[in-house]
Amino acid sequence: MINKIVMSMASLRLMSGTIEIIAALIMLRLNQVDKALLVNSGLALVGPLVLLTTTTIGLVGIAEKLSYGKMVWVLLGVVCLFIGILKK
């Protein structure tokens, strides 16, 4: 039996991957750089949102197994990822 938390995380990642593939097909269909760039910009919102959501679900799943100190380190790591991704 698959853990519900793992199933939720995997489902989100499968959905995200499907969105990425559909976006790539749309870019090919449009065949214009400016429109492809617009589609790509929309994907820039999906990636971090999926990362944050799956991480949150995972943290909720292991919250009872982690000490508060370790939880803070994990959250700081996620914050560092977002700073690295979003900082120009």
Protein backbone atom coordinates (compact mmCIF):
# COMPACT_ATOMS: atom_id res chain seq x y z
CA MET A 1 0.00 0.00 0.00
CA ILE A 2 1.40 3.39 -0.99
CA ASN A 3 1.65 6.07 1.68
CA LYS A 4 -0.91 8.87 1.14
CA ILE A 5 1.72 11.57 1.56
CA VAL A 6 4.05 9.95 -0.96
CA MET A 7 1.12 9.51 -3.35
CA SER A 8 0.24 13.22 -3.01
CA MET A 9 3.82 14.31 -3.63
CA ALA A 10 4.21 12.01 -6.64
CA SER A 11 0.84 13.11 -8.06
CA LEU A 12 1.86 16.76 -7.88
CA ARG A 13 5.15 16.00 -9.63
CA LEU A 14 3.37 14.00 -12.35
CA MET A 15 0.92 16.87 -12.83
CA SER A 16 3.81 19.33 -13.02
CA GLY A 17 5.63 17.19 -15.56
CA THR A 18 2.48 16.89 -17.64
CA ILE A 19 2.08 20.67 -17.61
CA GLU A 20 5.72 21.04 -18.73
CA ILE A 21 5.22 18.61 -21.63
CA ILE A 22 1.98 20.29 -22.71
CA ALA A 23 3.71 23.68 -22.58
CA ALA A 24 6.54 22.37 -24.77
CA LEU A 25 4.02 21.06 -27.30
CA ILE A 26 2.21 24.41 -27.27
CA MET A 27 5.52 26.18 -27.93
CA LEU A 28 6.19 23.90 -30.88
CA ARG A 29 2.67 24.44 -32.19
CA LEU A 30 2.91 28.24 -31.89
CA ASN A 31 6.33 28.26 -33.57
CA GLN A 32 7.00 31.89 -32.59
CA VAL A 33 9.68 32.99 -30.15
CA ASP A 34 7.61 35.73 -28.50
CA LYS A 35 4.64 33.43 -27.85
CA ALA A 36 6.91 30.61 -26.69
CA LEU A 37 8.49 33.04 -24.25
CA LEU A 38 5.04 33.87 -22.85
CA VAL A 39 4.29 30.17 -22.35
CA ASN A 40 7.68 29.72 -20.69
CA SER A 41 7.01 32.66 -18.38
CA GLY A 42 3.82 31.00 -17.23
CA LEU A 43 5.84 27.92 -16.35
CA ALA A 44 8.08 30.03 -14.15
CA LEU A 45 5.18 30.22 -11.71
CA VAL A 46 4.39 26.50 -11.78
CA GLY A 47 7.86 25.18 -10.87
CA PRO A 48 8.40 27.02 -7.57
CA LEU A 49 4.77 26.50 -6.57
CA VAL A 50 5.06 22.74 -7.07
CA LEU A 51 8.40 22.70 -5.21
CA LEU A 52 6.91 24.56 -2.27
CA THR A 53 3.76 22.43 -2.18
CA THR A 54 5.52 19.06 -2.39
CA THR A 55 8.07 20.15 0.22
CA THR A 56 5.29 21.28 2.53
CA ILE A 57 3.43 18.00 2.12
CA GLY A 58 6.65 16.08 2.80
CA LEU A 59 7.43 18.16 5.89
CA VAL A 60 3.94 17.60 7.24
CA GLY A 61 4.46 13.88 6.69
CA ILE A 62 7.68 13.74 8.68
CA ALA A 63 6.94 16.51 11.19
CA GLU A 64 6.38 14.09 14.02
CA LYS A 65 9.73 12.39 13.35
CA LEU A 66 11.83 15.59 13.25
CA SER A 67 12.92 17.75 16.12
CA TYR A 68 12.14 21.45 15.93
CA GLY A 69 15.82 22.20 15.33
CA LYS A 70 15.99 19.90 12.31
CA MET A 71 12.72 21.31 11.01
CA VAL A 72 14.19 24.82 11.15
CA TRP A 73 17.25 23.65 9.17
CA VAL A 74 15.03 22.08 6.51
CA LEU A 75 12.93 25.25 6.24
CA LEU A 76 16.08 27.38 5.99
CA GLY A 77 17.25 25.13 3.17
CA VAL A 78 13.98 25.68 1.31
CA VAL A 79 14.30 29.43 1.84
CA CYS A 80 17.84 29.31 0.43
CA LEU A 81 16.56 27.44 -2.62
CA PHE A 82 13.95 30.10 -3.27
CA ILE A 83 16.47 32.91 -2.81
CA GLY A 84 18.77 31.19 -5.30
CA ILE A 85 15.98 30.61 -7.79
CA LEU A 86 14.24 33.97 -7.59
CA LYS A 87 17.14 36.37 -6.94
CA LYS A 88 18.39 38.19 -10.03
